[in-house]
Amino acid sequence: MGRTRHKNPRAATRYVKPGAEAVAKVTEILAHLRRTH
């Protein structure tokens, strides 16, 4: 947020373009958390 000078972190997310590998990793982590609860 310091680099983009946004006060709200959601406003800066429009500039973030994660790769397919990063999306797959996060999806795997979230799926695992849902299964364990």
Protein backbone atom coordinates (compact mmCIF):
# COMPACT_ATOMS: atom_id res chain seq x y z
CA MET A 1 0.00 0.00 0.00
CA GLY A 2 2.94 2.29 0.56
CA ARG A 3 4.01 1.93 -3.04
CA THR A 4 0.56 2.47 -4.55
CA ARG A 5 -0.44 5.15 -2.01
CA HIS A 6 -3.85 3.58 -1.48
CA LYS A 7 -5.47 3.88 1.92
CA ASN A 8 -7.69 0.85 1.38
CA PRO A 9 -5.94 -2.45 0.51
CA ARG A 10 -8.91 -3.51 -1.65
CA ALA A 11 -8.26 -0.57 -3.96
CA ALA A 12 -4.75 -1.84 -4.68
CA THR A 13 -5.92 -5.36 -5.57
CA ARG A 14 -6.98 -4.25 -9.05
CA TYR A 15 -3.27 -4.01 -9.94
CA VAL A 16 -2.34 -7.45 -8.64
CA LYS A 17 -2.45 -10.19 -11.27
CA PRO A 18 -1.46 -13.49 -9.63
CA GLY A 19 -0.22 -16.28 -11.85
CA ALA A 20 -1.98 -19.61 -12.29
CA GLU A 21 0.43 -21.32 -9.88
CA ALA A 22 -0.31 -18.82 -7.11
CA VAL A 23 -4.06 -19.15 -7.63
CA ALA A 24 -3.80 -22.95 -7.51
CA LYS A 25 -1.79 -22.84 -4.30
CA VAL A 26 -4.26 -20.54 -2.54
CA THR A 27 -7.18 -22.63 -3.76
CA GLU A 28 -5.53 -25.77 -2.38
CA ILE A 29 -4.94 -24.12 1.00
CA LEU A 30 -8.51 -22.86 1.24
CA ALA A 31 -9.95 -26.24 0.22
CA HIS A 32 -7.84 -27.92 2.91
CA LEU A 33 -9.08 -25.47 5.55
CA ARG A 34 -12.71 -26.12 4.62
CA ARG A 35 -12.22 -29.88 4.89
CA THR A 36 -10.68 -29.67 8.35
CA HIS A 37 -13.42 -27.55 9.91
